[in-house]
PDB file of N, CA and C in Angstrom:
ATOM      1  N   MET A   1     281.735 244.473 169.971  1.00  0.00           N
ATOM      2  CA  MET A   1     281.901 245.325 168.823  1.00  0.00           C
ATOM      3  C   MET A   1     283.006 244.719 167.954  1.00  0.00           C
ATOM      4  N   SER A   2     282.816 244.764 166.662  1.00  0.00           N
ATOM      5  CA  SER A   2     283.799 244.191 165.734  1.00  0.00           C
ATOM      6  C   SER A   2     285.076 245.026 165.715  1.00  0.00           C
ATOM      7  N   SER A   3     286.151 244.433 165.206  1.00  0.00           N
ATOM      8  CA  SER A   3     287.412 245.178 165.120  1.00  0.00           C
ATOM      9  C   SER A   3     287.280 246.368 164.168  1.00  0.00           C
ATOM     10  N   THR A   4     286.468 246.223 163.128  1.00  0.00           N
ATOM     11  CA  THR A   4     286.242 247.339 162.201  1.00  0.00           C
ATOM     12  C   THR A   4     285.535 248.482 162.913  1.00  0.00           C
ATOM     13  N   SER A   5     284.486 248.170 163.663  1.00  0.00           N
ATOM     14  CA  SER A   5     283.769 249.212 164.404  1.00  0.00           C
ATOM     15  C   SER A   5     284.674 249.868 165.435  1.00  0.00           C
ATOM     16  N   ALA A   6     285.488 249.078 166.123  1.00  0.00           N
ATOM     17  CA  ALA A   6     286.411 249.625 167.117  1.00  0.00           C
ATOM     18  C   ALA A   6     287.400 250.583 166.457  1.00  0.00           C
ATOM     19  N   ALA A   7     287.891 250.226 165.277  1.00  0.00           N
ATOM     20  CA  ALA A   7     288.819 251.095 164.553  1.00  0.00           C
ATOM     21  C   ALA A   7     288.138 252.389 164.129  1.00  0.00           C
ATOM     22  N   ILE A   8     286.895 252.291 163.697  1.00  0.00           N
ATOM     23  CA  ILE A   8     286.147 253.490 163.299  1.00  0.00           C
ATOM     24  C   ILE A   8     285.989 254.434 164.483  1.00  0.00           C
ATOM     25  N   VAL A   9     285.600 253.884 165.617  1.00  0.00           N
ATOM     26  CA  VAL A   9     285.409 254.719 166.813  1.00  0.00           C
ATOM     27  C   VAL A   9     286.734 255.322 167.250  1.00  0.00           C
ATOM     28  N   ALA A  10     287.797 254.538 167.229  1.00  0.00           N
ATOM     29  CA  ALA A  10     289.099 255.010 167.701  1.00  0.00           C
ATOM     30  C   ALA A  10     289.693 256.099 166.807  1.00  0.00           C
ATOM     31  N   ASN A  11     289.375 256.058 165.528  1.00  0.00           N
ATOM     32  CA  ASN A  11     290.033 256.955 164.579  1.00  0.00           C
ATOM     33  C   ASN A  11     289.166 258.083 164.057  1.00  0.00           C
ATOM     34  N   THR A  12     288.071 258.356 164.727  1.00  0.00           N
ATOM     35  CA  THR A  12     287.227 259.478 164.348  1.00  0.00           C
ATOM     36  C   THR A  12     287.009 260.371 165.555  1.00  0.00           C
ATOM     37  N   THR A  13     286.723 261.630 165.293  1.00  0.00           N
ATOM     38  CA  THR A  13     286.431 262.543 166.398  1.00  0.00           C
ATOM     39  C   THR A  13     284.938 262.790 166.531  1.00  0.00           C
ATOM     40  N   THR A  14     284.220 262.567 165.456  1.00  0.00           N
ATOM     41  CA  THR A  14     282.778 262.808 165.425  1.00  0.00           C
ATOM     42  C   THR A  14     282.107 261.652 164.712  1.00  0.00           C
ATOM     43  N   ARG A  15     280.966 261.230 165.232  1.00  0.00           N
ATOM     44  CA  ARG A  15     280.175 260.186 164.580  1.00  0.00           C
ATOM     45  C   ARG A  15     278.841 260.793 164.194  1.00  0.00           C
ATOM     46  N   VAL A  16     278.432 260.565 162.960  1.00  0.00           N
ATOM     47  CA  VAL A  16     277.131 261.010 162.478  1.00  0.00           C
ATOM     48  C   VAL A  16     276.413 259.785 161.962  1.00  0.00           C
ATOM     49  N   ALA A  17     275.178 259.603 162.403  1.00  0.00           N
ATOM     50  CA  ALA A  17     274.388 258.461 161.944  1.00  0.00           C
ATOM     51  C   ALA A  17     273.003 258.940 161.558  1.00  0.00           C
ATOM     52  N   ILE A  18     272.512 258.407 160.470  1.00  0.00           N
ATOM     53  CA  ILE A  18     271.134 258.638 160.052  1.00  0.00           C
ATOM     54  C   ILE A  18     270.438 257.290 160.186  1.00  0.00           C
ATOM     55  N   GLY A  19     269.637 257.174 161.233  1.00  0.00           N
ATOM     56  CA  GLY A  19     269.035 255.881 161.538  1.00  0.00           C
ATOM     57  C   GLY A  19     270.112 254.925 162.009  1.00  0.00           C
ATOM     58  N   GLY A  20     269.788 253.660 162.022  1.00  0.00           N
ATOM     59  CA  GLY A  20     270.812 252.679 162.369  1.00  0.00           C
ATOM     60  C   GLY A  20     270.296 251.553 163.226  1.00  0.00           C
ATOM     61  N   GLY A  21     270.897 250.418 163.007  1.00  0.00           N
ATOM     62  CA  GLY A  21     270.546 249.212 163.753  1.00  0.00           C
ATOM     63  C   GLY A  21     271.587 248.893 164.811  1.00  0.00           C
ATOM     64  N   ASP A  22     271.802 247.600 165.023  1.00  0.00           N
ATOM     65  CA  ASP A  22     272.663 247.153 166.113  1.00  0.00           C
ATOM     66  C   ASP A  22     274.114 247.618 165.982  1.00  0.00           C
ATOM     67  N   ILE A  23     274.671 247.575 164.784  1.00  0.00           N
ATOM     68  CA  ILE A  23     276.064 247.983 164.610  1.00  0.00           C
ATOM     69  C   ILE A  23     276.216 249.476 164.870  1.00  0.00           C
ATOM     70  N   ALA A  24     275.342 250.272 164.302  1.00  0.00           N
ATOM     71  CA  ALA A  24     275.389 251.719 164.547  1.00  0.00           C
ATOM     72  C   ALA A  24     275.219 252.014 166.024  1.00  0.00           C
ATOM     73  N   ARG A  25     274.296 251.315 166.679  1.00  0.00           N
ATOM     74  CA  ARG A  25     274.069 251.522 168.118  1.00  0.00           C
ATOM     75  C   ARG A  25     275.353 251.282 168.894  1.00  0.00           C
ATOM     76  N   LYS A  26     276.031 250.170 168.620  1.00  0.00           N
ATOM     77  CA  LYS A  26     277.272 249.854 169.336  1.00  0.00           C
ATOM     78  C   LYS A  26     278.340 250.911 169.093  1.00  0.00           C
ATOM     79  N   GLU A  27     278.488 251.336 167.844  1.00  0.00           N
ATOM     80  CA  GLU A  27     279.492 252.344 167.520  1.00  0.00           C
ATOM     81  C   GLU A  27     279.178 253.684 168.175  1.00  0.00           C
ATOM     82  N   LEU A  28     277.928 254.102 168.122  1.00  0.00           N
ATOM     83  CA  LEU A  28     277.548 255.390 168.692  1.00  0.00           C
ATOM     84  C   LEU A  28     277.714 255.407 170.203  1.00  0.00           C
ATOM     85  N   LEU A  29     277.290 254.342 170.866  1.00  0.00           N
ATOM     86  CA  LEU A  29     277.433 254.282 172.321  1.00  0.00           C
ATOM     87  C   LEU A  29     278.900 254.217 172.730  1.00  0.00           C
ATOM     88  N   ALA A  30     279.713 253.494 171.954  1.00  0.00           N
ATOM     89  CA  ALA A  30     281.150 253.433 172.245  1.00  0.00           C
ATOM     90  C   ALA A  30     281.782 254.811 172.074  1.00  0.00           C
ATOM     91  N   ALA A  31     281.389 255.527 171.030  1.00  0.00           N
ATOM     92  CA  ALA A  31     281.914 256.877 170.805  1.00  0.00           C
ATOM     93  C   ALA A  31     281.519 257.806 171.952  1.00  0.00           C
ATOM     94  N   LEU A  32     280.282 257.742 172.380  1.00  0.00           N
ATOM     95  CA  LEU A  32     279.839 258.557 173.515  1.00  0.00           C
ATOM     96  C   LEU A  32     280.617 258.201 174.775  1.00  0.00           C
ATOM     97  N   HIS A  33     280.855 256.929 174.979  1.00  0.00           N
ATOM     98  CA  HIS A  33     281.548 256.443 176.175  1.00  0.00           C
ATOM     99  C   HIS A  33     282.957 257.035 176.303  1.00  0.00           C
ATOM    100  N   VAL A  34     283.604 257.257 175.169  1.00  0.00           N
ATOM    101  CA  VAL A  34     284.962 257.817 175.202  1.00  0.00           C
ATOM    102  C   VAL A  34     284.967 259.328 174.956  1.00  0.00           C
ATOM    103  N   GLY A  35     283.794 259.949 175.013  1.00  0.00           N
ATOM    104  CA  GLY A  35     283.697 261.398 174.962  1.00  0.00           C
ATOM    105  C   GLY A  35     283.706 262.029 173.577  1.00  0.00           C
ATOM    106  N   LYS A  36     283.401 261.248 172.554  1.00  0.00           N
ATOM    107  CA  LYS A  36     283.369 261.807 171.205  1.00  0.00           C
ATOM    108  C   LYS A  36     281.998 262.413 170.919  1.00  0.00           C
ATOM    109  N   THR A  37     281.961 263.330 169.972  1.00  0.00           N
ATOM    110  CA  THR A  37     280.723 263.981 169.588  1.00  0.00           C
ATOM    111  C   THR A  37     279.919 263.038 168.703  1.00  0.00           C
ATOM    112  N   VAL A  38     278.640 262.895 169.015  1.00  0.00           N
ATOM    113  CA  VAL A  38     277.749 262.041 168.235  1.00  0.00           C
ATOM    114  C   VAL A  38     276.554 262.862 167.786  1.00  0.00           C
ATOM    115  N   THR A  39     276.270 262.810 166.507  1.00  0.00           N
ATOM    116  CA  THR A  39     275.064 263.422 165.959  1.00  0.00           C
ATOM    117  C   THR A  39     274.201 262.294 165.417  1.00  0.00           C
ATOM    118  N   TYR A  40     272.988 262.216 165.920  1.00  0.00           N
ATOM    119  CA  TYR A  40     272.070 261.161 165.482  1.00  0.00           C
ATOM    120  C   TYR A  40     270.847 261.807 164.838  1.00  0.00           C
ATOM    121  N   ILE A  41     270.515 261.350 163.644  1.00  0.00           N
ATOM    122  CA  ILE A  41     269.330 261.821 162.927  1.00  0.00           C
ATOM    123  C   ILE A  41     268.399 260.637 162.763  1.00  0.00           C
ATOM    124  N   ALA A  42     267.230 260.740 163.340  1.00  0.00           N
ATOM    125  CA  ALA A  42     266.276 259.634 163.282  1.00  0.00           C
ATOM    126  C   ALA A  42     265.818 259.389 161.845  1.00  0.00           C
ATOM    127  N   ALA A  43     265.708 258.130 161.486  1.00  0.00           N
ATOM    128  CA  ALA A  43     265.195 257.732 160.175  1.00  0.00           C
ATOM    129  C   ALA A  43     264.653 256.313 160.293  1.00  0.00           C
ATOM    130  N   ASP A  44     263.452 256.106 159.836  1.00  0.00           N
ATOM    131  CA  ASP A  44     262.864 254.771 159.899  1.00  0.00           C
ATOM    132  C   ASP A  44     263.518 253.825 158.905  1.00  0.00           C
ATOM    133  N   MET A  45     263.560 252.554 159.299  1.00  0.00           N
ATOM    134  CA  MET A  45     264.055 251.506 158.419  1.00  0.00           C
ATOM    135  C   MET A  45     262.990 251.178 157.379  1.00  0.00           C
ATOM    136  N   ASN A  46     263.413 250.522 156.328  1.00  0.00           N
ATOM    137  CA  ASN A  46     262.470 250.008 155.356  1.00  0.00           C
ATOM    138  C   ASN A  46     261.646 248.921 156.052  1.00  0.00           C
ATOM    139  N   PRO A  47     260.323 249.071 156.128  1.00  0.00           N
ATOM    140  CA  PRO A  47     259.505 248.106 156.873  1.00  0.00           C
ATOM    141  C   PRO A  47     259.658 246.662 156.399  1.00  0.00           C
ATOM    142  N   GLN A  48     259.694 246.443 155.101  1.00  0.00           N
ATOM    143  CA  GLN A  48     259.798 245.069 154.609  1.00  0.00           C
ATOM    144  C   GLN A  48     261.158 244.460 154.942  1.00  0.00           C
ATOM    145  N   THR A  49     262.207 245.244 154.814  1.00  0.00           N
ATOM    146  CA  THR A  49     263.548 244.759 155.169  1.00  0.00           C
ATOM    147  C   THR A  49     263.611 244.408 156.651  1.00  0.00           C
ATOM    148  N   ALA A  50     263.021 245.241 157.491  1.00  0.00           N
ATOM    149  CA  ALA A  50     263.005 244.978 158.929  1.00  0.00           C
ATOM    150  C   ALA A  50     262.228 243.704 159.242  1.00  0.00           C
ATOM    151  N   ARG A  51     261.109 243.508 158.586  1.00  0.00           N
ATOM    152  CA  ARG A  51     260.321 242.280 158.798  1.00  0.00           C
ATOM    153  C   ARG A  51     261.102 241.045 158.351  1.00  0.00           C
ATOM    154  N   ASP A  52     261.759 241.161 157.204  1.00  0.00           N
ATOM    155  CA  ASP A  52     262.549 240.031 156.690  1.00  0.00           C
ATOM    156  C   ASP A  52     263.684 239.661 157.640  1.00  0.00           C
ATOM    157  N   LYS A  53     264.374 240.668 158.181  1.00  0.00           N
ATOM    158  CA  LYS A  53     265.462 240.408 159.126  1.00  0.00           C
ATOM    159  C   LYS A  53     264.945 239.709 160.375  1.00  0.00           C
ATOM    160  N   ALA A  54     263.825 240.192 160.897  1.00  0.00           N
ATOM    161  CA  ALA A  54     263.237 239.578 162.089  1.00  0.00           C
ATOM    162  C   ALA A  54     262.854 238.123 161.808  1.00  0.00           C
ATOM    163  N   GLN A  55     262.263 237.882 160.663  1.00  0.00           N
ATOM    164  CA  GLN A  55     261.851 236.528 160.314  1.00  0.00           C
ATOM    165  C   GLN A  55     263.068 235.601 160.206  1.00  0.00           C
ATOM    166  N   LYS A  56     264.135 236.061 159.580  1.00  0.00           N
ATOM    167  CA  LYS A  56     265.358 235.252 159.441  1.00  0.00           C
ATOM    168  C   LYS A  56     265.963 234.907 160.793  1.00  0.00           C
ATOM    169  N   LYS A  57     265.811 235.811 161.757  1.00  0.00           N
ATOM    170  CA  LYS A  57     266.349 235.589 163.096  1.00  0.00           C
ATOM    171  C   LYS A  57     265.372 234.833 163.994  1.00  0.00           C
ATOM    172  N   GLY A  58     264.185 234.508 163.467  1.00  0.00           N
ATOM    173  CA  GLY A  58     263.183 233.811 164.261  1.00  0.00           C
ATOM    174  C   GLY A  58     262.533 234.682 165.316  1.00  0.00           C
ATOM    175  N   LEU A  59     262.547 235.991 165.091  1.00  0.00           N
ATOM    176  CA  LEU A  59     261.956 236.937 166.035  1.00  0.00           C
ATOM    177  C   LEU A  59     260.536 237.284 165.609  1.00  0.00           C
ATOM    178  N   PRO A  60     259.735 237.828 166.528  1.00  0.00           N
ATOM    179  CA  PRO A  60     258.384 238.257 166.160  1.00  0.00           C
ATOM    180  C   PRO A  60     258.433 239.345 165.089  1.00  0.00           C
ATOM    181  N   GLU A  61     257.350 239.486 164.357  1.00  0.00           N
ATOM    182  CA  GLU A  61     257.293 240.507 163.311  1.00  0.00           C
ATOM    183  C   GLU A  61     257.542 241.889 163.904  1.00  0.00           C
ATOM    184  N   THR A  62     258.377 242.638 163.258  1.00  0.00           N
ATOM    185  CA  THR A  62     258.748 243.970 163.715  1.00  0.00           C
ATOM    186  C   THR A  62     257.600 244.954 163.533  1.00  0.00           C
ATOM    187  N   THR A  63     257.361 245.762 164.552  1.00  0.00           N
ATOM    188  CA  THR A  63     256.363 246.825 164.459  1.00  0.00           C
ATOM    189  C   THR A  63     256.995 248.193 164.713  1.00  0.00           C
ATOM    190  N   ASP A  64     258.234 248.200 165.185  1.00  0.00           N
ATOM    191  CA  ASP A  64     258.967 249.441 165.437  1.00  0.00           C
ATOM    192  C   ASP A  64     260.074 249.540 164.396  1.00  0.00           C
ATOM    193  N   PHE A  65     260.021 250.562 163.567  1.00  0.00           N
ATOM    194  CA  PHE A  65     260.964 250.681 162.466  1.00  0.00           C
ATOM    195  C   PHE A  65     262.019 251.764 162.700  1.00  0.00           C
ATOM    196  N   THR A  66     262.180 252.179 163.968  1.00  0.00           N
ATOM    197  CA  THR A  66     263.149 253.217 164.273  1.00  0.00           C
ATOM    198  C   THR A  66     264.565 252.671 164.393  1.00  0.00           C
ATOM    199  N   GLY A  67     264.736 251.414 164.706  1.00  0.00           N
ATOM    200  CA  GLY A  67     266.060 250.812 164.834  1.00  0.00           C
ATOM    201  C   GLY A  67     266.603 250.906 166.241  1.00  0.00           C
ATOM    202  N   SER A  68     267.530 250.021 166.555  1.00  0.00           N
ATOM    203  CA  SER A  68     268.057 249.967 167.917  1.00  0.00           C
ATOM    204  C   SER A  68     268.945 251.164 168.252  1.00  0.00           C
ATOM    205  N   ALA A  69     269.527 251.812 167.260  1.00  0.00           N
ATOM    206  CA  ALA A  69     270.317 253.018 167.534  1.00  0.00           C
ATOM    207  C   ALA A  69     269.405 254.108 168.099  1.00  0.00           C
ATOM    208  N   HIS A  70     268.248 254.265 167.508  1.00  0.00           N
ATOM    209  CA  HIS A  70     267.297 255.273 167.977  1.00  0.00           C
ATOM    210  C   HIS A  70     266.882 254.988 169.421  1.00  0.00           C
ATOM    211  N   THR A  71     266.548 253.755 169.689  1.00  0.00           N
ATOM    212  CA  THR A  71     266.104 253.381 171.027  1.00  0.00           C
ATOM    213  C   THR A  71     267.187 253.687 172.056  1.00  0.00           C
ATOM    214  N   ALA A  72     268.428 253.320 171.759  1.00  0.00           N
ATOM    215  CA  ALA A  72     269.539 253.540 172.712  1.00  0.00           C
ATOM    216  C   ALA A  72     269.809 255.022 172.923  1.00  0.00           C
ATOM    217  N   LEU A  73     269.758 255.794 171.852  1.00  0.00           N
ATOM    218  CA  LEU A  73     270.071 257.206 171.985  1.00  0.00           C
ATOM    219  C   LEU A  73     268.904 257.998 172.570  1.00  0.00           C
ATOM    220  N   ALA A  74     267.688 257.564 172.320  1.00  0.00           N
ATOM    221  CA  ALA A  74     266.522 258.237 172.899  1.00  0.00           C
ATOM    222  C   ALA A  74     266.528 258.084 174.419  1.00  0.00           C
ATOM    223  N   GLU A  75     267.031 256.940 174.916  1.00  0.00           N
ATOM    224  CA  GLU A  75     267.098 256.702 176.339  1.00  0.00           C
ATOM    225  C   GLU A  75     268.121 257.605 177.016  1.00  0.00           C
ATOM    226  N   ARG A  76     269.095 258.091 176.277  1.00  0.00           N
ATOM    227  CA  ARG A  76     270.175 258.924 176.842  1.00  0.00           C
ATOM    228  C   ARG A  76     269.790 260.387 176.921  1.00  0.00           C
ATOM    229  N   ARG A  77     268.671 260.761 176.314  1.00  0.00           N
ATOM    230  CA  ARG A  77     268.274 262.185 176.284  1.00  0.00           C
ATOM    231  C   ARG A  77     267.664 262.612 177.578  1.00  0.00           C
TER     232      ARG A  77
END
């Protein structure tokens, strides 16, 4: 987690996210780990933006537009 994300988690009591990718996932899980309140609202990513990101990273074309934050938090339910 970046120093900025660590500072955000350390200096907030509640985290609210609407959708989210890898950075949001790391921040939300870190907040949960230290006992902070997390509110997550599912929201799909822009499909074209998600495809472009995957292509730039050399990954297969994206078919799931929920984001990694959704996947991580859905597993915790």
